[in-house]
């Protein structure tokens, strides 16, 4: 999937769409775009999502320990 960020100058109208299908991508909380002379990056924060993960190592923190 290739995502396209559409910005019209009005933040309320900003949307992210699937470039192949033209369908809107739901559950996006915010988008941050960073552009310099050599590259551009976009960070997308999701609000409602499902996560499937395998083979993740690390410690599990509960409560106030995770900061």
C-alpha atoms as a PDB file:
ATOM      1  CA  UNK A   1       0.000   0.000   0.000  1.00  0.00           C
ATOM      2  CA  UNK A   2       1.280   3.430  -0.897  1.00  0.00           C
ATOM      3  CA  UNK A   3      -0.257   6.304   1.081  1.00  0.00           C
ATOM      4  CA  UNK A   4      -0.977   9.774  -0.249  1.00  0.00           C
ATOM      5  CA  UNK A   5      -1.389  12.781   2.062  1.00  0.00           C
ATOM      6  CA  UNK A   6      -3.806  15.373   0.675  1.00  0.00           C
ATOM      7  CA  UNK A   7      -3.520  18.861   2.192  1.00  0.00           C
ATOM      8  CA  UNK A   8      -5.571  21.773   0.827  1.00  0.00           C
ATOM      9  CA  UNK A   9      -4.299  24.451   3.214  1.00  0.00           C
ATOM     10  CA  UNK A  10      -7.118  23.765   5.675  1.00  0.00           C
ATOM     11  CA  UNK A  11      -6.035  21.287   8.395  1.00  0.00           C
ATOM     12  CA  UNK A  12      -9.656  20.110   8.843  1.00  0.00           C
ATOM     13  CA  UNK A  13      -9.705  18.934   5.214  1.00  0.00           C
ATOM     14  CA  UNK A  14      -6.429  16.985   5.376  1.00  0.00           C
ATOM     15  CA  UNK A  15      -6.834  13.315   4.523  1.00  0.00           C
ATOM     16  CA  UNK A  16      -4.700  10.251   3.903  1.00  0.00           C
ATOM     17  CA  UNK A  17      -5.727   7.964   1.073  1.00  0.00           C
ATOM     18  CA  UNK A  18      -4.603   4.661  -0.420  1.00  0.00           C
ATOM     19  CA  UNK A  19      -2.962   5.852  -3.619  1.00  0.00           C
ATOM     20  CA  UNK A  20      -3.883   2.664  -5.521  1.00  0.00           C
ATOM     21  CA  UNK A  21      -7.597   2.606  -4.660  1.00  0.00           C
ATOM     22  CA  UNK A  22      -8.382   6.221  -3.731  1.00  0.00           C
ATOM     23  CA  UNK A  23     -10.004   4.998  -0.479  1.00  0.00           C
ATOM     24  CA  UNK A  24      -9.561   7.095   2.658  1.00  0.00           C
ATOM     25  CA  UNK A  25      -7.434   5.561   5.418  1.00  0.00           C
ATOM     26  CA  UNK A  26      -9.386   5.631   8.687  1.00  0.00           C
ATOM     27  CA  UNK A  27      -8.137   5.879  12.280  1.00  0.00           C
ATOM     28  CA  UNK A  28      -5.426   8.485  11.710  1.00  0.00           C
ATOM     29  CA  UNK A  29      -4.879  10.803  14.656  1.00  0.00           C
ATOM     30  CA  UNK A  30      -2.260  13.113  13.125  1.00  0.00           C
ATOM     31  CA  UNK A  31       0.306  13.509  10.359  1.00  0.00           C
ATOM     32  CA  UNK A  32       3.656  15.274  10.625  1.00  0.00           C
ATOM     33  CA  UNK A  33       5.671  16.069   7.495  1.00  0.00           C
ATOM     34  CA  UNK A  34       9.355  17.040   7.549  1.00  0.00           C
ATOM     35  CA  UNK A  35      11.058  18.302   4.390  1.00  0.00           C
ATOM     36  CA  UNK A  36      14.642  19.423   3.914  1.00  0.00           C
ATOM     37  CA  UNK A  37      16.846  20.079   0.884  1.00  0.00           C
ATOM     38  CA  UNK A  38      17.602  16.378   0.334  1.00  0.00           C
ATOM     39  CA  UNK A  39      14.618  14.335   1.552  1.00  0.00           C
ATOM     40  CA  UNK A  40      11.112  14.259   2.968  1.00  0.00           C
ATOM     41  CA  UNK A  41       9.573  12.138   5.716  1.00  0.00           C
ATOM     42  CA  UNK A  42       6.029  11.707   7.007  1.00  0.00           C
ATOM     43  CA  UNK A  43       5.069  10.364  10.428  1.00  0.00           C
ATOM     44  CA  UNK A  44       1.517   9.095  10.802  1.00  0.00           C
ATOM     45  CA  UNK A  45       0.018   8.537  14.257  1.00  0.00           C
ATOM     46  CA  UNK A  46      -2.794   5.981  14.306  1.00  0.00           C
ATOM     47  CA  UNK A  47      -5.634   6.138  16.808  1.00  0.00           C
ATOM     48  CA  UNK A  48      -7.589   2.916  16.205  1.00  0.00           C
ATOM     49  CA  UNK A  49      -5.552  -0.003  14.919  1.00  0.00           C
ATOM     50  CA  UNK A  50      -4.947  -3.713  15.246  1.00  0.00           C
ATOM     51  CA  UNK A  51      -1.433  -4.971  15.885  1.00  0.00           C
ATOM     52  CA  UNK A  52      -0.191  -8.430  15.083  1.00  0.00           C
ATOM     53  CA  UNK A  53       3.387  -9.161  16.090  1.00  0.00           C
ATOM     54  CA  UNK A  54       5.640 -12.178  16.241  1.00  0.00           C
ATOM     55  CA  UNK A  55       9.072 -12.821  17.733  1.00  0.00           C
ATOM     56  CA  UNK A  56       9.304  -9.597  19.716  1.00  0.00           C
ATOM     57  CA  UNK A  57      11.785  -9.595  22.569  1.00  0.00           C
ATOM     58  CA  UNK A  58      11.930  -7.182  25.463  1.00  0.00           C
ATOM     59  CA  UNK A  59      10.569  -6.423  28.879  1.00  0.00           C
ATOM     60  CA  UNK A  60       6.919  -5.944  29.747  1.00  0.00           C
ATOM     61  CA  UNK A  61       6.138  -2.893  31.887  1.00  0.00           C
ATOM     62  CA  UNK A  62       2.838  -2.344  33.619  1.00  0.00           C
ATOM     63  CA  UNK A  63       1.391   0.736  35.243  1.00  0.00           C
ATOM     64  CA  UNK A  64       3.632   3.697  35.983  1.00  0.00           C
ATOM     65  CA  UNK A  65       6.875   1.863  35.187  1.00  0.00           C
ATOM     66  CA  UNK A  66       6.408   2.473  31.449  1.00  0.00           C
ATOM     67  CA  UNK A  67       7.462   6.076  31.010  1.00  0.00           C
END
